[in-house]
Amino acid sequence: MTGWGRLMARSALWPAALLLLAGCTSPLGVSGYIHECATVDDKAVKYINWARVPEVDIRIRNGEFSPMIVRMRQGWPYVLRIRNRDHEARVFKAYDFFRRVAVIKTTVAGQEEDFTCFGAVTVPARQSAELRLVALTDGYFEYEDSMIPLPGLFSTGPNGIIIIEERTPRI
């Protein structure tokens, strides 16, 4: 095969590879499954009163996330609610964040998801997603709106950050 023929064959493989990678994202719900997830003991989860934990609301409007900076405390349970007010689906992609929190339950557009180990949540147009989670590891985590399943690939930069503050001892 000549040099030109090889170049054409390679360039024809890129769309096929991107279509294959796009299969890792779902039109609704969770996607970008990750292999290592933080967990919390089932006995400890049983004692969490989800009606009394802090709620964090993120609103998406015109492709912008508000607030852009979210603060949590290490070791605390939270209900993270993502409301999409746009007329198209939006993706809350935060691979590092989801690796370092224990997701207990995920509901997207009123339907409970089976998986708790993922890297992104697709929120349908005019719908919401609710995640019950425990912030386990302190740190600074970026999130973005991107359908591309690989972190950093064709990224336009973060839409916001989540800061999990380190738990400080009382003594």
Protein backbone atom coordinates (compact mmCIF):
# COMPACT_ATOMS: atom_id res chain seq x y z
CA MET A 1 0.00 0.00 0.00
CA THR A 2 1.36 3.44 -0.83
CA GLY A 3 1.86 6.23 1.68
CA TRP A 4 -1.32 7.99 0.50
CA GLY A 5 -3.34 4.77 0.79
CA ARG A 6 -2.14 4.18 4.37
CA LEU A 7 -3.03 7.73 5.33
CA MET A 8 -6.55 7.31 3.92
CA ALA A 9 -6.99 3.98 5.72
CA ARG A 10 -5.84 5.47 9.03
CA SER A 11 -8.05 8.53 8.68
CA ALA A 12 -11.02 6.27 7.95
CA LEU A 13 -10.42 4.47 11.25
CA TRP A 14 -10.82 7.63 13.38
CA PRO A 15 -14.60 7.97 12.87
CA ALA A 16 -15.02 4.25 13.59
CA ALA A 17 -12.97 4.57 16.78
CA LEU A 18 -14.96 7.60 17.92
CA LEU A 19 -18.25 5.78 17.28
CA LEU A 20 -16.99 2.85 19.33
CA LEU A 21 -16.01 5.18 22.18
CA ALA A 22 -19.36 6.93 21.97
CA GLY A 23 -20.96 3.58 22.76
CA CYS A 24 -19.56 3.98 26.28
CA THR A 25 -22.00 6.83 26.93
CA SER A 26 -25.70 6.31 27.33
CA PRO A 27 -28.38 8.70 26.09
CA LEU A 28 -29.78 8.89 29.63
CA GLY A 29 -28.37 8.08 33.00
CA VAL A 30 -24.88 7.09 34.05
CA SER A 31 -21.95 6.39 31.76
CA GLY A 32 -18.19 6.14 31.65
CA TYR A 33 -17.91 3.21 34.02
CA ILE A 34 -14.76 3.30 36.13
CA HIS A 35 -13.04 0.31 37.66
CA GLU A 36 -12.17 1.65 41.10
CA CYS A 37 -14.83 3.24 43.24
CA ALA A 38 -14.86 4.32 46.84
CA THR A 39 -17.27 2.44 49.08
CA VAL A 40 -18.86 2.83 52.48
CA ASP A 41 -19.78 -0.01 54.81
CA ASP A 42 -23.45 -1.01 54.41
CA LYS A 43 -23.92 -0.81 58.18
CA ALA A 44 -22.86 2.84 58.17
CA VAL A 45 -25.16 3.66 55.23
CA LYS A 46 -28.09 2.17 57.12
CA TYR A 47 -27.73 4.87 59.79
CA ILE A 48 -27.75 7.82 57.37
CA ASN A 49 -30.99 9.81 57.53
CA TRP A 50 -31.14 11.05 53.92
CA ALA A 51 -33.94 13.49 54.76
CA ARG A 52 -31.54 15.44 57.02
CA VAL A 53 -28.27 15.47 55.04
CA PRO A 54 -27.05 18.63 53.28
CA GLU A 55 -28.37 19.09 49.75
CA VAL A 56 -26.23 20.51 46.98
CA ASP A 57 -28.10 21.86 43.95
CA ILE A 58 -26.39 22.42 40.60
CA ARG A 59 -28.48 24.10 37.91
CA ILE A 60 -27.69 23.96 34.19
CA ARG A 61 -29.07 26.76 32.04
CA ASN A 62 -27.82 27.79 28.58
CA GLY A 63 -24.96 25.33 28.95
CA GLU A 64 -23.68 26.98 32.12
CA PHE A 65 -23.47 25.30 35.51
CA SER A 66 -24.45 27.27 38.59
CA PRO A 67 -22.86 27.46 41.08
CA MET A 68 -19.47 26.95 39.46
CA ILE A 69 -17.82 26.20 42.82
CA VAL A 70 -19.31 23.58 45.13
CA ARG A 71 -17.91 22.89 48.60
CA MET A 72 -18.35 19.67 50.58
CA ARG A 73 -16.77 18.30 53.76
CA GLN A 74 -14.85 15.05 53.88
CA GLY A 75 -16.75 12.19 55.53
CA TRP A 76 -20.20 13.79 55.23
CA PRO A 77 -23.15 12.38 53.26
CA TYR A 78 -24.79 14.62 50.65
CA VAL A 79 -27.65 14.67 48.18
CA LEU A 80 -26.30 16.13 44.94
CA ARG A 81 -29.12 17.31 42.70
CA ILE A 82 -28.35 18.31 39.10
CA ARG A 83 -31.22 20.14 37.35
CA ASN A 84 -31.03 20.59 33.59
CA ARG A 85 -33.16 23.58 32.55
CA ASP A 86 -31.98 23.43 28.90
CA HIS A 87 -33.86 22.01 25.94
CA GLU A 88 -31.13 19.45 25.26
CA ALA A 89 -29.43 16.75 27.31
CA ARG A 90 -26.38 17.78 29.32
CA VAL A 91 -23.57 15.65 30.76
CA PHE A 92 -22.08 16.11 34.22
CA LYS A 93 -18.67 14.47 33.69
CA ALA A 94 -16.41 14.26 36.76
CA TYR A 95 -14.31 11.09 36.65
CA ASP A 96 -11.95 12.03 39.50
CA PHE A 97 -14.81 13.19 41.72
CA PHE A 98 -16.85 10.00 41.22
CA ARG A 99 -13.74 7.89 41.94
CA ARG A 100 -13.32 9.53 45.33
CA VAL A 101 -16.88 9.62 46.62
CA ALA A 102 -19.06 6.67 47.52
CA VAL A 103 -22.22 6.89 45.42
CA ILE A 104 -25.00 5.15 47.31
CA LYS A 105 -27.94 5.73 44.97
CA THR A 106 -28.49 7.49 41.64
CA THR A 107 -31.81 8.56 40.16
CA VAL A 108 -32.01 10.14 36.69
CA ALA A 109 -35.30 11.53 35.38
CA GLY A 110 -37.16 9.64 38.12
CA GLN A 111 -35.60 6.26 37.31
CA GLU A 112 -33.15 4.62 39.68
CA GLU A 113 -29.88 3.49 38.09
CA ASP A 114 -28.37 0.10 38.86
CA PHE A 115 -24.73 1.26 38.78
CA THR A 116 -22.94 3.32 41.39
CA CYS A 117 -19.47 3.22 39.81
CA PHE A 118 -19.40 5.67 36.90
CA GLY A 119 -17.69 8.81 35.66
CA ALA A 120 -20.52 10.84 34.15
CA VAL A 121 -24.26 11.43 34.43
CA THR A 122 -26.34 12.41 31.40
CA VAL A 123 -29.28 14.55 32.44
CA PRO A 124 -32.09 14.68 29.85
CA ALA A 125 -33.59 17.99 28.77
CA ARG A 126 -35.79 19.63 31.43
CA GLN A 127 -35.08 16.77 33.89
CA SER A 128 -33.04 16.20 37.05
CA ALA A 129 -30.57 13.72 38.46
CA GLU A 130 -30.20 13.02 42.16
CA LEU A 131 -27.16 11.32 43.67
CA ARG A 132 -26.85 10.20 47.26
CA LEU A 133 -23.17 10.08 48.10
CA VAL A 134 -20.57 10.27 50.84
CA ALA A 135 -17.58 12.57 50.25
CA LEU A 136 -14.67 10.34 51.25
CA THR A 137 -11.47 11.91 49.91
CA ASP A 138 -10.55 15.55 50.19
CA GLY A 139 -9.40 17.38 47.08
CA TYR A 140 -10.17 19.65 44.17
CA PHE A 141 -12.24 18.05 41.37
CA GLU A 142 -13.24 19.58 38.04
CA TYR A 143 -16.44 18.77 36.17
CA GLU A 144 -17.51 19.51 32.62
CA ASP A 145 -20.30 19.05 30.11
CA SER A 146 -18.94 16.62 27.53
CA MET A 147 -20.30 13.58 25.70
CA ILE A 148 -16.76 12.34 24.94
CA PRO A 149 -16.19 9.42 27.35
CA LEU A 150 -12.42 9.84 27.74
CA PRO A 151 -11.23 12.39 30.31
CA GLY A 152 -9.43 15.33 28.72
CA LEU A 153 -10.10 14.32 25.11
CA PHE A 154 -11.42 17.30 23.10
CA SER A 155 -12.09 19.17 26.33
CA THR A 156 -13.05 22.83 26.31
CA GLY A 157 -12.09 23.08 29.96
CA PRO A 158 -13.99 22.67 33.18
CA ASN A 159 -17.46 24.11 33.75
CA GLY A 160 -16.89 24.14 37.49
CA ILE A 161 -15.14 22.59 40.45
CA ILE A 162 -16.06 20.62 43.53
CA ILE A 163 -13.89 21.13 46.58
CA ILE A 164 -14.03 18.50 49.29
CA GLU A 165 -12.49 20.07 52.36
CA GLU A 166 -10.30 17.97 54.59
CA ARG A 167 -11.84 16.90 57.87
CA THR A 168 -9.90 18.54 60.64
CA PRO A 169 -9.52 16.96 64.06
CA ARG A 170 -11.24 18.74 66.92
CA ILE A 171 -8.30 18.43 69.27
